[in-house]
């Protein structure tokens, strides 16, 4: 039976009730929900962190758009003009594309990518399910404990059935074909092999395609959820122009570190790759050119990825 897509309010409910589950490095206390700031705008959640900073959070149940980032920036500018201090704007979305991340970084706005699967993990951990997936009639009460109902799923139900991304298989196939169409013969062979290998890794990885010209491969960490670990780029972007990092795998170490991946894990991953293949492009986002790899080098890259996917999953 297909599980209905959860709605934005339910994501908000879970973050409000269990902020430590989603932001393990922060100690935040909920202060308000769905409020308005005079002369500024509305917010979804208002927390106060361990440093006394007011965190105003915007939640999106979809990939973030530039308009979302721009709206957060306008809120921040208005707060600054009003003389407000110790206020942090924070955007949460299921996917945050690289171009949106760059804008948020430049605007001084915090952001976190939380996939639907991560919400389901937290809900299952606390034996809760979502109102939109329950046969119980909707309640008009705004209390969190009434918006999220106890689950009726038997305890022996495999947890993977609760975490599945639905309706994406056909879309992913189309994205894969479109991506490969922008690759030369040698590069196309590498990425075809890469995609087939990724599919053997099960639910511990996923690939997303809502990016400027390529894809993002995510590793699943028990406490962090899915984290971007590898970007892939063909020769051309979707507009036919040359990619900024053509025919390459890129390791966005700065993004992974910001999401909470240990620095030692990232260093060991790069060191293992460098045993057989050269890395270039700087320390924050080293890259591998895939246009002229030997079979031995391809095997080394894939086996290293598999090894560190397993290491990431270890508690």
C-alpha atoms as a PDB file:
ATOM      1  CA  UNK A   1       0.000   0.000   0.000  1.00  0.00           C
ATOM      2  CA  UNK A   2       1.384   3.410  -0.982  1.00  0.00           C
ATOM      3  CA  UNK A   3       2.101   5.731   1.947  1.00  0.00           C
ATOM      4  CA  UNK A   4       0.706   9.270   1.424  1.00  0.00           C
ATOM      5  CA  UNK A   5       3.176  12.107   1.294  1.00  0.00           C
ATOM      6  CA  UNK A   6       3.482  13.851   4.633  1.00  0.00           C
ATOM      7  CA  UNK A   7       2.548  17.502   4.774  1.00  0.00           C
ATOM      8  CA  UNK A   8       4.617  20.499   5.827  1.00  0.00           C
ATOM      9  CA  UNK A   9       2.774  21.002   9.115  1.00  0.00           C
ATOM     10  CA  UNK A  10       3.666  17.462  10.200  1.00  0.00           C
ATOM     11  CA  UNK A  11       7.351  18.048   9.504  1.00  0.00           C
ATOM     12  CA  UNK A  12       7.025  21.183  11.608  1.00  0.00           C
ATOM     13  CA  UNK A  13       5.320  19.169  14.367  1.00  0.00           C
ATOM     14  CA  UNK A  14       8.217  16.709  14.575  1.00  0.00           C
ATOM     15  CA  UNK A  15      10.933  19.364  14.609  1.00  0.00           C
ATOM     16  CA  UNK A  16       9.015  21.294  17.272  1.00  0.00           C
ATOM     17  CA  UNK A  17       8.620  18.196  19.448  1.00  0.00           C
ATOM     18  CA  UNK A  18      12.084  16.667  18.942  1.00  0.00           C
ATOM     19  CA  UNK A  19      14.575  19.379  17.882  1.00  0.00           C
ATOM     20  CA  UNK A  20      17.535  17.455  19.322  1.00  0.00           C
ATOM     21  CA  UNK A  21      16.820  14.559  16.963  1.00  0.00           C
ATOM     22  CA  UNK A  22      17.262  16.793  13.917  1.00  0.00           C
ATOM     23  CA  UNK A  23      19.937  19.151  15.251  1.00  0.00           C
ATOM     24  CA  UNK A  24      22.086  17.021  17.589  1.00  0.00           C
ATOM     25  CA  UNK A  25      24.732  19.727  18.030  1.00  0.00           C
ATOM     26  CA  UNK A  26      22.225  22.324  19.228  1.00  0.00           C
ATOM     27  CA  UNK A  27      20.278  22.688  22.465  1.00  0.00           C
ATOM     28  CA  UNK A  28      17.096  24.515  21.475  1.00  0.00           C
ATOM     29  CA  UNK A  29      13.886  25.238  23.370  1.00  0.00           C
ATOM     30  CA  UNK A  30      10.672  25.894  21.449  1.00  0.00           C
ATOM     31  CA  UNK A  31       9.306  29.387  22.127  1.00  0.00           C
ATOM     32  CA  UNK A  32       6.584  29.748  19.503  1.00  0.00           C
ATOM     33  CA  UNK A  33       4.953  28.489  16.300  1.00  0.00           C
ATOM     34  CA  UNK A  34       3.318  30.145  13.295  1.00  0.00           C
ATOM     35  CA  UNK A  35       3.911  33.621  14.671  1.00  0.00           C
ATOM     36  CA  UNK A  36       4.378  37.022  13.082  1.00  0.00           C
ATOM     37  CA  UNK A  37       7.070  39.627  13.549  1.00  0.00           C
ATOM     38  CA  UNK A  38       5.780  43.179  13.314  1.00  0.00           C
ATOM     39  CA  UNK A  39       6.951  44.778  10.102  1.00  0.00           C
ATOM     40  CA  UNK A  40       8.903  41.665   9.072  1.00  0.00           C
ATOM     41  CA  UNK A  41       6.752  38.624   8.334  1.00  0.00           C
ATOM     42  CA  UNK A  42       5.763  35.219   9.631  1.00  0.00           C
ATOM     43  CA  UNK A  43       7.856  32.326  10.900  1.00  0.00           C
ATOM     44  CA  UNK A  44       7.121  28.615  11.234  1.00  0.00           C
ATOM     45  CA  UNK A  45       9.107  27.870  14.412  1.00  0.00           C
ATOM     46  CA  UNK A  46      10.832  30.029  17.010  1.00  0.00           C
ATOM     47  CA  UNK A  47      13.504  28.443  19.188  1.00  0.00           C
ATOM     48  CA  UNK A  48      15.991  29.812  21.688  1.00  0.00           C
ATOM     49  CA  UNK A  49      19.356  28.066  21.653  1.00  0.00           C
ATOM     50  CA  UNK A  50      21.905  27.451  24.387  1.00  0.00           C
ATOM     51  CA  UNK A  51      23.549  30.821  23.724  1.00  0.00           C
ATOM     52  CA  UNK A  52      20.337  32.810  24.051  1.00  0.00           C
ATOM     53  CA  UNK A  53      20.038  33.294  20.292  1.00  0.00           C
ATOM     54  CA  UNK A  54      16.524  33.448  18.849  1.00  0.00           C
ATOM     55  CA  UNK A  55      16.283  30.973  15.967  1.00  0.00           C
ATOM     56  CA  UNK A  56      13.492  31.686  13.477  1.00  0.00           C
ATOM     57  CA  UNK A  57      12.966  28.638  11.301  1.00  0.00           C
ATOM     58  CA  UNK A  58      11.250  28.319   7.929  1.00  0.00           C
ATOM     59  CA  UNK A  59      10.196  24.734   7.001  1.00  0.00           C
ATOM     60  CA  UNK A  60       9.657  23.525   3.440  1.00  0.00           C
ATOM     61  CA  UNK A  61       8.275  20.080   2.541  1.00  0.00           C
ATOM     62  CA  UNK A  62       9.979  20.279  -0.866  1.00  0.00           C
ATOM     63  CA  UNK A  63      13.300  21.291  -2.416  1.00  0.00           C
ATOM     64  CA  UNK A  64      14.231  24.865  -1.523  1.00  0.00           C
ATOM     65  CA  UNK A  65      13.878  27.541  -4.186  1.00  0.00           C
ATOM     66  CA  UNK A  66      15.743  30.785  -4.624  1.00  0.00           C
ATOM     67  CA  UNK A  67      12.546  32.621  -3.607  1.00  0.00           C
ATOM     68  CA  UNK A  68      12.632  30.869  -0.195  1.00  0.00           C
ATOM     69  CA  UNK A  69      16.207  31.971   0.406  1.00  0.00           C
ATOM     70  CA  UNK A  70      15.405  35.493  -0.782  1.00  0.00           C
ATOM     71  CA  UNK A  71      12.445  35.688   1.616  1.00  0.00           C
ATOM     72  CA  UNK A  72      14.650  34.622   4.543  1.00  0.00           C
ATOM     73  CA  UNK A  73      17.210  37.239   3.528  1.00  0.00           C
ATOM     74  CA  UNK A  74      14.518  39.944   3.499  1.00  0.00           C
ATOM     75  CA  UNK A  75      13.406  38.886   6.983  1.00  0.00           C
ATOM     76  CA  UNK A  76      16.993  39.056   8.182  1.00  0.00           C
ATOM     77  CA  UNK A  77      17.507  42.510   6.656  1.00  0.00           C
ATOM     78  CA  UNK A  78      14.311  43.778   8.290  1.00  0.00           C
ATOM     79  CA  UNK A  79      15.381  42.414  11.678  1.00  0.00           C
ATOM     80  CA  UNK A  80      18.788  44.056  11.320  1.00  0.00           C
ATOM     81  CA  UNK A  81      17.164  47.378  10.411  1.00  0.00           C
ATOM     82  CA  UNK A  82      14.910  47.096  13.471  1.00  0.00           C
ATOM     83  CA  UNK A  83      18.000  46.739  15.653  1.00  0.00           C
ATOM     84  CA  UNK A  84      17.221  43.161  16.649  1.00  0.00           C
ATOM     85  CA  UNK A  85      20.247  41.295  17.984  1.00  0.00           C
ATOM     86  CA  UNK A  86      20.903  37.623  18.589  1.00  0.00           C
ATOM     87  CA  UNK A  87      18.498  36.454  15.890  1.00  0.00           C
ATOM     88  CA  UNK A  88      19.338  33.655  13.449  1.00  0.00           C
ATOM     89  CA  UNK A  89      17.293  32.825  10.354  1.00  0.00           C
ATOM     90  CA  UNK A  90      17.240  29.105   9.494  1.00  0.00           C
ATOM     91  CA  UNK A  91      15.838  27.456   6.355  1.00  0.00           C
ATOM     92  CA  UNK A  92      14.934  23.744   6.413  1.00  0.00           C
ATOM     93  CA  UNK A  93      13.991  21.897   3.211  1.00  0.00           C
ATOM     94  CA  UNK A  94      14.064  18.354   1.838  1.00  0.00           C
ATOM     95  CA  UNK A  95      16.758  19.376  -0.662  1.00  0.00           C
ATOM     96  CA  UNK A  96      18.799  22.574  -0.870  1.00  0.00           C
ATOM     97  CA  UNK A  97      20.479  22.943  -4.288  1.00  0.00           C
ATOM     98  CA  UNK A  98      24.018  24.268  -4.484  1.00  0.00           C
ATOM     99  CA  UNK A  99      23.014  27.641  -5.957  1.00  0.00           C
ATOM    100  CA  UNK A 100      20.567  28.228  -3.084  1.00  0.00           C
ATOM    101  CA  UNK A 101      23.215  27.170  -0.546  1.00  0.00           C
ATOM    102  CA  UNK A 102      25.643  29.724  -1.950  1.00  0.00           C
ATOM    103  CA  UNK A 103      23.060  32.488  -1.612  1.00  0.00           C
ATOM    104  CA  UNK A 104      22.269  31.480   1.973  1.00  0.00           C
ATOM    105  CA  UNK A 105      25.962  31.338   2.885  1.00  0.00           C
ATOM    106  CA  UNK A 106      26.504  34.827   1.495  1.00  0.00           C
ATOM    107  CA  UNK A 107      23.429  36.109   3.341  1.00  0.00           C
ATOM    108  CA  UNK A 108      24.447  34.695   6.725  1.00  0.00           C
ATOM    109  CA  UNK A 109      21.437  32.383   6.921  1.00  0.00           C
ATOM    110  CA  UNK A 110      21.708  28.904   8.434  1.00  0.00           C
ATOM    111  CA  UNK A 111      20.191  25.964   6.566  1.00  0.00           C
ATOM    112  CA  UNK A 112      19.654  22.225   6.938  1.00  0.00           C
ATOM    113  CA  UNK A 113      18.580  19.588   4.435  1.00  0.00           C
ATOM    114  CA  UNK A 114      16.186  17.110   6.084  1.00  0.00           C
ATOM    115  CA  UNK A 115      14.768  14.409   3.856  1.00  0.00           C
ATOM    116  CA  UNK A 116      11.343  12.860   4.336  1.00  0.00           C
ATOM    117  CA  UNK A 117      13.037   9.601   5.335  1.00  0.00           C
ATOM    118  CA  UNK A 118      14.657  11.336   8.323  1.00  0.00           C
ATOM    119  CA  UNK A 119      11.283  12.560   9.583  1.00  0.00           C
ATOM    120  CA  UNK A 120       9.968   9.022   9.327  1.00  0.00           C
ATOM    121  CA  UNK A 121      12.906   7.654  11.310  1.00  0.00           C
ATOM    122  CA  UNK A 122      12.190  10.093  14.167  1.00  0.00           C
ATOM    123  CA  UNK A 123       8.448   9.395  14.031  1.00  0.00           C
ATOM    124  CA  UNK A 124       9.007   5.653  14.200  1.00  0.00           C
ATOM    125  CA  UNK A 125      11.556   5.996  16.998  1.00  0.00           C
ATOM    126  CA  UNK A 126       8.905   7.698  19.141  1.00  0.00           C
ATOM    127  CA  UNK A 127       6.123   5.352  18.035  1.00  0.00           C
ATOM    128  CA  UNK A 128       4.225   8.108  16.240  1.00  0.00           C
ATOM    129  CA  UNK A 129       2.704   8.365  12.802  1.00  0.00           C
ATOM    130  CA  UNK A 130       1.303  11.287  10.822  1.00  0.00           C
ATOM    131  CA  UNK A 131      -2.258  12.581  10.861  1.00  0.00           C
ATOM    132  CA  UNK A 132      -2.333  12.655   7.046  1.00  0.00           C
ATOM    133  CA  UNK A 133      -1.596   8.901   7.085  1.00  0.00           C
ATOM    134  CA  UNK A 134      -4.170   8.079   9.751  1.00  0.00           C
ATOM    135  CA  UNK A 135      -7.831   7.181   9.306  1.00  0.00           C
ATOM    136  CA  UNK A 136      -8.624   9.301  12.387  1.00  0.00           C
ATOM    137  CA  UNK A 137     -10.530  12.479  11.359  1.00  0.00           C
ATOM    138  CA  UNK A 138      -8.540  15.689  11.437  1.00  0.00           C
ATOM    139  CA  UNK A 139      -8.502  17.507  14.727  1.00  0.00           C
ATOM    140  CA  UNK A 140      -8.876  21.266  15.038  1.00  0.00           C
ATOM    141  CA  UNK A 141      -6.584  21.285  18.028  1.00  0.00           C
ATOM    142  CA  UNK A 142      -3.113  22.744  17.488  1.00  0.00           C
ATOM    143  CA  UNK A 143      -1.476  20.708  20.206  1.00  0.00           C
ATOM    144  CA  UNK A 144       1.451  18.645  18.903  1.00  0.00           C
ATOM    145  CA  UNK A 145       0.402  15.513  20.758  1.00  0.00           C
ATOM    146  CA  UNK A 146      -2.990  15.555  18.997  1.00  0.00           C
ATOM    147  CA  UNK A 147      -1.661  16.412  15.554  1.00  0.00           C
ATOM    148  CA  UNK A 148       0.645  13.372  15.561  1.00  0.00           C
ATOM    149  CA  UNK A 149      -1.138  10.133  16.383  1.00  0.00           C
ATOM    150  CA  UNK A 150       0.361   6.885  17.761  1.00  0.00           C
ATOM    151  CA  UNK A 151       1.244   4.495  14.982  1.00  0.00           C
ATOM    152  CA  UNK A 152      -0.832   1.401  14.315  1.00  0.00           C
ATOM    153  CA  UNK A 153       1.968  -0.341  12.410  1.00  0.00           C
ATOM    154  CA  UNK A 154       2.995  -3.612  14.155  1.00  0.00           C
ATOM    155  CA  UNK A 155       6.354  -3.460  15.883  1.00  0.00           C
ATOM    156  CA  UNK A 156       7.717  -6.293  13.732  1.00  0.00           C
ATOM    157  CA  UNK A 157       7.048  -4.403  10.472  1.00  0.00           C
ATOM    158  CA  UNK A 158      10.383  -3.900   8.668  1.00  0.00           C
ATOM    159  CA  UNK A 159      11.452  -0.302   9.233  1.00  0.00           C
ATOM    160  CA  UNK A 160      12.560   0.065   5.614  1.00  0.00           C
ATOM    161  CA  UNK A 161       8.895  -0.006   4.557  1.00  0.00           C
ATOM    162  CA  UNK A 162       8.376   3.222   6.455  1.00  0.00           C
ATOM    163  CA  UNK A 163      11.331   5.030   4.876  1.00  0.00           C
ATOM    164  CA  UNK A 164      10.784   4.386   1.175  1.00  0.00           C
ATOM    165  CA  UNK A 165      10.823   7.334  -1.227  1.00  0.00           C
ATOM    166  CA  UNK A 166       7.770   6.779  -3.403  1.00  0.00           C
ATOM    167  CA  UNK A 167       7.069   7.681  -6.997  1.00  0.00           C
ATOM    168  CA  UNK A 168      10.676   8.577  -7.791  1.00  0.00           C
ATOM    169  CA  UNK A 169      11.923   5.499  -9.631  1.00  0.00           C
ATOM    170  CA  UNK A 170      10.675   6.516 -13.086  1.00  0.00           C
ATOM    171  CA  UNK A 171      11.774  10.108 -12.548  1.00  0.00           C
ATOM    172  CA  UNK A 172      15.248   8.969 -11.480  1.00  0.00           C
ATOM    173  CA  UNK A 173      15.577   6.784 -14.581  1.00  0.00           C
ATOM    174  CA  UNK A 174      14.675   9.754 -16.779  1.00  0.00           C
ATOM    175  CA  UNK A 175      17.149  11.985 -14.936  1.00  0.00           C
ATOM    176  CA  UNK A 176      19.862   9.367 -15.319  1.00  0.00           C
ATOM    177  CA  UNK A 177      19.265   9.078 -19.065  1.00  0.00           C
ATOM    178  CA  UNK A 178      19.267  12.861 -19.448  1.00  0.00           C
ATOM    179  CA  UNK A 179      22.500  13.149 -17.463  1.00  0.00           C
ATOM    180  CA  UNK A 180      24.234  10.442 -19.536  1.00  0.00           C
ATOM    181  CA  UNK A 181      23.162  12.198 -22.722  1.00  0.00           C
ATOM    182  CA  UNK A 182      25.480  15.059 -21.743  1.00  0.00           C
ATOM    183  CA  UNK A 183      28.497  12.757 -21.335  1.00  0.00           C
ATOM    184  CA  UNK A 184      31.112  11.701 -23.887  1.00  0.00           C
ATOM    185  CA  UNK A 185      31.598   7.949 -24.586  1.00  0.00           C
ATOM    186  CA  UNK A 186      34.306   7.238 -21.982  1.00  0.00           C
ATOM    187  CA  UNK A 187      32.681   9.380 -19.309  1.00  0.00           C
ATOM    188  CA  UNK A 188      29.258   7.913 -20.087  1.00  0.00           C
ATOM    189  CA  UNK A 189      30.616   4.433 -19.447  1.00  0.00           C
ATOM    190  CA  UNK A 190      32.013   5.473 -16.068  1.00  0.00           C
ATOM    191  CA  UNK A 191      28.822   7.149 -14.871  1.00  0.00           C
ATOM    192  CA  UNK A 192      26.669   4.246 -16.159  1.00  0.00           C
ATOM    193  CA  UNK A 193      28.802   1.906 -14.044  1.00  0.00           C
ATOM    194  CA  UNK A 194      28.634   4.345 -11.114  1.00  0.00           C
ATOM    195  CA  UNK A 195      24.804   4.511 -11.184  1.00  0.00           C
ATOM    196  CA  UNK A 196      24.437   0.739 -11.425  1.00  0.00           C
ATOM    197  CA  UNK A 197      26.826   0.281  -8.504  1.00  0.00           C
ATOM    198  CA  UNK A 198      24.984   2.850  -6.393  1.00  0.00           C
ATOM    199  CA  UNK A 199      21.762   0.880  -6.812  1.00  0.00           C
ATOM    200  CA  UNK A 200      23.409  -2.145  -5.160  1.00  0.00           C
ATOM    201  CA  UNK A 201      24.033  -0.171  -1.952  1.00  0.00           C
ATOM    202  CA  UNK A 202      20.385  -0.291  -0.917  1.00  0.00           C
ATOM    203  CA  UNK A 203      18.823   2.301   1.362  1.00  0.00           C
ATOM    204  CA  UNK A 204      22.165   3.511   2.741  1.00  0.00           C
ATOM    205  CA  UNK A 205      22.599   5.905  -0.187  1.00  0.00           C
ATOM    206  CA  UNK A 206      20.419   7.957  -2.480  1.00  0.00           C
ATOM    207  CA  UNK A 207      20.922  10.146  -5.530  1.00  0.00           C
ATOM    208  CA  UNK A 208      19.109  13.459  -6.052  1.00  0.00           C
ATOM    209  CA  UNK A 209      18.985  15.388  -9.318  1.00  0.00           C
ATOM    210  CA  UNK A 210      17.696  18.876  -8.475  1.00  0.00           C
ATOM    211  CA  UNK A 211      21.049  20.494  -9.045  1.00  0.00           C
ATOM    212  CA  UNK A 212      22.525  23.003 -11.456  1.00  0.00           C
ATOM    213  CA  UNK A 213      23.991  20.518 -13.925  1.00  0.00           C
ATOM    214  CA  UNK A 214      24.649  17.186 -12.220  1.00  0.00           C
ATOM    215  CA  UNK A 215      23.625  14.901  -9.372  1.00  0.00           C
ATOM    216  CA  UNK A 216      24.323  14.503  -5.677  1.00  0.00           C
ATOM    217  CA  UNK A 217      24.976  11.176  -3.950  1.00  0.00           C
ATOM    218  CA  UNK A 218      24.086  11.090  -0.252  1.00  0.00           C
ATOM    219  CA  UNK A 219      25.425   8.727   2.413  1.00  0.00           C
ATOM    220  CA  UNK A 220      23.119   7.825   5.263  1.00  0.00           C
ATOM    221  CA  UNK A 221      24.425   8.467   8.790  1.00  0.00           C
ATOM    222  CA  UNK A 222      22.434   7.131  11.781  1.00  0.00           C
ATOM    223  CA  UNK A 223      22.275  10.469  13.629  1.00  0.00           C
ATOM    224  CA  UNK A 224      22.517  12.865  10.692  1.00  0.00           C
ATOM    225  CA  UNK A 225      20.313  11.239   8.076  1.00  0.00           C
ATOM    226  CA  UNK A 226      21.258  11.589   4.406  1.00  0.00           C
ATOM    227  CA  UNK A 227      24.245  13.863   3.786  1.00  0.00           C
ATOM    228  CA  UNK A 228      25.636  15.019   0.428  1.00  0.00           C
ATOM    229  CA  UNK A 229      29.004  13.345  -0.026  1.00  0.00           C
ATOM    230  CA  UNK A 230      29.621  13.187  -3.791  1.00  0.00           C
ATOM    231  CA  UNK A 231      28.614  15.429  -6.687  1.00  0.00           C
ATOM    232  CA  UNK A 232      28.830  14.277 -10.297  1.00  0.00           C
ATOM    233  CA  UNK A 233      29.127  16.540 -13.342  1.00  0.00           C
ATOM    234  CA  UNK A 234      29.111  15.772 -17.084  1.00  0.00           C
ATOM    235  CA  UNK A 235      30.807  17.867 -19.747  1.00  0.00           C
ATOM    236  CA  UNK A 236      27.819  20.183 -20.269  1.00  0.00           C
ATOM    237  CA  UNK A 237      25.165  21.634 -18.024  1.00  0.00           C
ATOM    238  CA  UNK A 238      21.463  21.526 -18.890  1.00  0.00           C
ATOM    239  CA  UNK A 239      21.724  24.721 -20.941  1.00  0.00           C
ATOM    240  CA  UNK A 240      24.437  23.304 -23.166  1.00  0.00           C
ATOM    241  CA  UNK A 241      27.269  25.333 -21.629  1.00  0.00           C
ATOM    242  CA  UNK A 242      30.427  23.741 -20.300  1.00  0.00           C
ATOM    243  CA  UNK A 243      30.155  22.625 -16.674  1.00  0.00           C
ATOM    244  CA  UNK A 244      32.329  24.377 -14.135  1.00  0.00           C
ATOM    245  CA  UNK A 245      33.756  20.996 -13.098  1.00  0.00           C
ATOM    246  CA  UNK A 246      33.310  18.891 -16.257  1.00  0.00           C
ATOM    247  CA  UNK A 247      33.546  15.080 -16.313  1.00  0.00           C
ATOM    248  CA  UNK A 248      34.235  14.914 -12.592  1.00  0.00           C
ATOM    249  CA  UNK A 249      33.263  13.558  -9.228  1.00  0.00           C
ATOM    250  CA  UNK A 250      33.450  16.265  -6.551  1.00  0.00           C
ATOM    251  CA  UNK A 251      33.564  15.715  -2.789  1.00  0.00           C
ATOM    252  CA  UNK A 252      31.758  18.657  -1.084  1.00  0.00           C
ATOM    253  CA  UNK A 253      33.655  18.290   2.182  1.00  0.00           C
ATOM    254  CA  UNK A 254      32.667  21.744   3.422  1.00  0.00           C
ATOM    255  CA  UNK A 255      28.959  20.911   3.126  1.00  0.00           C
ATOM    256  CA  UNK A 256      29.418  17.511   4.780  1.00  0.00           C
ATOM    257  CA  UNK A 257      31.394  19.035   7.653  1.00  0.00           C
ATOM    258  CA  UNK A 258      28.698  21.650   8.170  1.00  0.00           C
ATOM    259  CA  UNK A 259      26.078  18.884   8.381  1.00  0.00           C
ATOM    260  CA  UNK A 260      28.057  17.243  11.198  1.00  0.00           C
ATOM    261  CA  UNK A 261      30.136  14.571   9.428  1.00  0.00           C
ATOM    262  CA  UNK A 262      33.351  14.100  11.487  1.00  0.00           C
ATOM    263  CA  UNK A 263      36.450  15.682   9.979  1.00  0.00           C
ATOM    264  CA  UNK A 264      38.385  12.455  10.556  1.00  0.00           C
ATOM    265  CA  UNK A 265      35.864  10.512   8.438  1.00  0.00           C
ATOM    266  CA  UNK A 266      36.259  12.979   5.564  1.00  0.00           C
ATOM    267  CA  UNK A 267      40.052  12.950   5.767  1.00  0.00           C
ATOM    268  CA  UNK A 268      40.178   9.149   5.750  1.00  0.00           C
ATOM    269  CA  UNK A 269      37.827   8.978   2.771  1.00  0.00           C
ATOM    270  CA  UNK A 270      40.049  11.307   0.747  1.00  0.00           C
ATOM    271  CA  UNK A 271      43.216   9.547   1.862  1.00  0.00           C
ATOM    272  CA  UNK A 272      41.838   6.174   0.778  1.00  0.00           C
ATOM    273  CA  UNK A 273      40.835   7.524  -2.642  1.00  0.00           C
ATOM    274  CA  UNK A 274      44.284   9.081  -3.089  1.00  0.00           C
ATOM    275  CA  UNK A 275      45.939   5.683  -2.743  1.00  0.00           C
ATOM    276  CA  UNK A 276      45.018   5.001  -6.410  1.00  0.00           C
ATOM    277  CA  UNK A 277      43.583   8.198  -7.945  1.00  0.00           C
ATOM    278  CA  UNK A 278      44.730  11.845  -7.785  1.00  0.00           C
ATOM    279  CA  UNK A 279      42.510  14.493  -6.186  1.00  0.00           C
ATOM    280  CA  UNK A 280      42.543  18.096  -7.376  1.00  0.00           C
ATOM    281  CA  UNK A 281      40.459  21.225  -6.867  1.00  0.00           C
ATOM    282  CA  UNK A 282      41.431  22.270  -3.348  1.00  0.00           C
ATOM    283  CA  UNK A 283      40.799  21.026   0.181  1.00  0.00           C
ATOM    284  CA  UNK A 284      37.160  22.083   0.548  1.00  0.00           C
ATOM    285  CA  UNK A 285      35.883  20.336  -2.594  1.00  0.00           C
ATOM    286  CA  UNK A 286      38.481  17.978  -4.078  1.00  0.00           C
ATOM    287  CA  UNK A 287      37.579  16.368  -7.371  1.00  0.00           C
ATOM    288  CA  UNK A 288      38.415  13.363  -9.560  1.00  0.00           C
ATOM    289  CA  UNK A 289      38.480  13.629 -13.350  1.00  0.00           C
ATOM    290  CA  UNK A 290      36.750  10.518 -14.668  1.00  0.00           C
ATOM    291  CA  UNK A 291      37.465  10.893 -18.384  1.00  0.00           C
ATOM    292  CA  UNK A 292      40.595   8.713 -18.511  1.00  0.00           C
ATOM    293  CA  UNK A 293      40.437   6.305 -15.580  1.00  0.00           C
ATOM    294  CA  UNK A 294      41.796   2.783 -15.811  1.00  0.00           C
ATOM    295  CA  UNK A 295      39.616  -0.161 -14.845  1.00  0.00           C
ATOM    296  CA  UNK A 296      41.692  -0.571 -11.698  1.00  0.00           C
ATOM    297  CA  UNK A 297      41.064   3.057 -10.738  1.00  0.00           C
ATOM    298  CA  UNK A 298      37.326   2.721 -11.378  1.00  0.00           C
ATOM    299  CA  UNK A 299      37.210  -0.398  -9.209  1.00  0.00           C
ATOM    300  CA  UNK A 300      39.122   1.423  -6.454  1.00  0.00           C
ATOM    301  CA  UNK A 301      36.723   4.395  -6.508  1.00  0.00           C
ATOM    302  CA  UNK A 302      33.636   2.186  -6.315  1.00  0.00           C
ATOM    303  CA  UNK A 303      35.027  -0.087  -3.605  1.00  0.00           C
ATOM    304  CA  UNK A 304      36.107   2.949  -1.555  1.00  0.00           C
ATOM    305  CA  UNK A 305      32.635   4.465  -1.819  1.00  0.00           C
ATOM    306  CA  UNK A 306      31.072   1.167  -0.751  1.00  0.00           C
ATOM    307  CA  UNK A 307      33.450   0.881   2.191  1.00  0.00           C
ATOM    308  CA  UNK A 308      32.741   4.394   3.473  1.00  0.00           C
ATOM    309  CA  UNK A 309      28.997   4.027   2.974  1.00  0.00           C
ATOM    310  CA  UNK A 310      29.234   1.131   5.446  1.00  0.00           C
ATOM    311  CA  UNK A 311      31.499   3.129   7.789  1.00  0.00           C
ATOM    312  CA  UNK A 312      29.010   6.007   7.721  1.00  0.00           C
ATOM    313  CA  UNK A 313      26.209   3.661   8.770  1.00  0.00           C
ATOM    314  CA  UNK A 314      28.109   2.305  11.790  1.00  0.00           C
ATOM    315  CA  UNK A 315      26.923   4.015  15.010  1.00  0.00           C
END
